[in-house]
Protein backbone atom coordinates (compact mmCIF):
# COMPACT_ATOMS: atom_id res chain seq x y z
CA MET A 1 156.99 159.13 75.67
CA SER A 2 153.39 158.37 74.61
CA GLN A 3 152.29 159.22 71.51
CA ARG A 4 149.81 162.07 72.73
CA ASN A 5 152.73 163.36 74.89
CA GLY A 6 155.74 163.59 72.31
CA ASP A 7 153.37 165.57 69.99
CA LEU A 8 152.66 168.33 72.48
CA ALA A 9 155.74 168.25 73.87
CA ALA A 10 157.10 169.16 69.64
CA ALA A 11 154.25 170.93 69.12
CA ALA A 12 154.57 173.68 72.98
CA SER A 13 158.64 173.26 70.57
CA ALA A 14 159.87 172.40 74.79
CA ALA A 15 163.16 171.07 75.22
CA MET A 16 162.72 167.62 76.37
CA TRP A 17 165.27 166.25 79.30
CA LEU A 18 166.42 163.56 80.65
CA SER A 19 167.65 162.09 83.67
CA PRO A 20 170.44 159.47 83.56
CA VAL A 21 168.65 157.83 86.64
CA SER A 22 165.88 156.87 84.16
CA ALA A 23 168.21 155.72 82.31
CA TRP A 24 169.65 153.70 84.94
CA GLU A 25 166.45 152.53 85.62
CA ALA A 26 165.52 150.46 81.80
CA LEU A 27 168.44 149.02 82.14
CA LEU A 28 167.47 147.43 85.59
CA LEU A 29 164.43 146.30 84.57
CA SER A 30 166.32 144.61 81.55
CA VAL A 31 167.64 143.55 83.65
CA LYS A 32 165.63 142.33 85.10
CA GLY A 33 163.61 140.73 82.11
CA ARG A 34 161.48 143.27 81.96
CA ILE A 35 162.32 145.19 79.23
CA ARG A 36 164.36 144.36 76.27
CA LEU A 37 167.21 145.87 75.31
CA PRO A 38 169.95 145.34 72.86
CA ALA A 39 173.55 144.14 73.64
CA ASP A 40 174.61 146.89 73.14
CA LEU A 41 174.05 149.29 76.07
CA ALA A 42 175.68 152.27 75.26
CA GLY A 43 174.86 152.40 71.36
CA TRP A 44 171.28 152.00 72.96
CA VAL A 45 171.77 155.15 75.67
CA LEU A 46 174.25 157.15 73.01
CA ARG A 47 170.52 157.07 70.46
CA ALA A 48 168.05 156.35 72.53
CA THR A 49 169.89 160.35 74.29
CA ALA A 50 170.89 161.73 71.34
CA HIS A 51 167.46 164.37 70.78
CA LEU A 52 167.20 165.20 74.69
CA ARG A 53 169.16 167.70 77.22
CA GLU A 54 170.91 165.70 79.73
CA ALA A 55 169.00 166.67 83.32
CA PRO A 56 172.14 166.98 86.13
CA LEU A 57 171.78 165.33 89.66
CA THR A 58 173.29 167.23 91.43
CA HIS A 59 173.65 167.87 95.49
CA GLU A 60 170.56 170.64 95.03
CA ILE A 61 168.56 167.70 93.69
CA VAL A 62 169.55 165.31 96.00
CA LEU A 63 168.67 167.14 99.33
CA ALA A 64 165.33 167.71 97.12
CA ALA A 65 164.62 164.60 97.31
CA HIS A 66 165.50 163.52 100.15
CA GLN A 67 163.20 165.99 101.31
CA LEU A 68 159.95 165.29 99.18
CA PRO A 69 156.57 163.96 101.42
CA LEU A 70 156.33 160.66 98.75
CA PRO A 71 154.42 158.20 100.90
CA HIS A 72 156.94 155.81 99.54
CA THR A 73 160.94 154.99 99.44
CA ASP A 74 161.95 154.32 96.19
CA PRO A 75 165.44 156.95 95.81
CA ALA A 76 164.92 156.90 91.57
CA ASP A 77 161.48 158.39 91.80
CA ARG A 78 162.89 161.32 94.54
CA PHE A 79 165.48 161.70 92.30
CA LEU A 80 163.13 162.26 88.95
CA ALA A 81 160.56 164.12 91.32
CA ALA A 82 163.33 166.35 92.82
CA THR A 83 164.81 166.86 89.25
CA ALA A 84 161.64 168.10 88.20
CA GLN A 85 161.81 170.20 90.83
CA VAL A 86 164.15 172.26 91.23
CA LEU A 87 165.15 172.64 87.38
CA GLY A 88 161.28 173.86 86.89
CA LEU A 89 160.33 170.53 84.98
CA THR A 90 157.25 168.88 84.16
CA LEU A 91 157.88 165.46 84.98
CA VAL A 92 155.97 163.29 82.19
CA THR A 93 155.74 160.00 84.40
CA ALA A 94 152.90 156.54 84.51
CA ASP A 95 153.43 155.62 87.82
CA GLU A 96 150.15 157.28 89.61
CA ARG A 97 152.27 157.33 93.15
CA LEU A 98 153.96 160.47 90.92
CA LEU A 99 151.53 162.33 89.54
CA GLY A 100 149.24 165.45 91.72
CA LEU A 101 152.47 166.45 93.76
CA GLY A 102 151.32 169.36 94.31
CA GLU A 103 153.95 172.08 93.57
CA ILE A 104 155.41 169.33 91.16
CA LYS A 105 154.40 170.10 87.51
CA THR A 106 153.39 166.11 86.47
CA LEU A 107 151.75 164.86 83.54
CA ALA A 108 150.72 161.55 83.45
CA ASN A 109 152.41 159.37 80.41
CA ARG A 110 149.40 156.84 79.16
């Protein structure tokens, strides 16, 4: 999350949520060599997520993800957008394809 968005969240005393799908995406990026993570992946996930609430991946979210009118089929994007929709959260993302999703609140992470 950008420093600006982190400051905004802290100022608003907002609970910050993280989907396990985001951690999974980070692990995939590490395997592809696009980001570098420590060798102790379990420890990294534990430390990186310690201050965050874990967003559930429920059947309701899966159904909402299937019904989203997104122009692309990336399942991770669908799960993240549907999680925000179902739980009434703001989706913070650097992915321009996920900004401005109508009823789903989004915030650019730049």
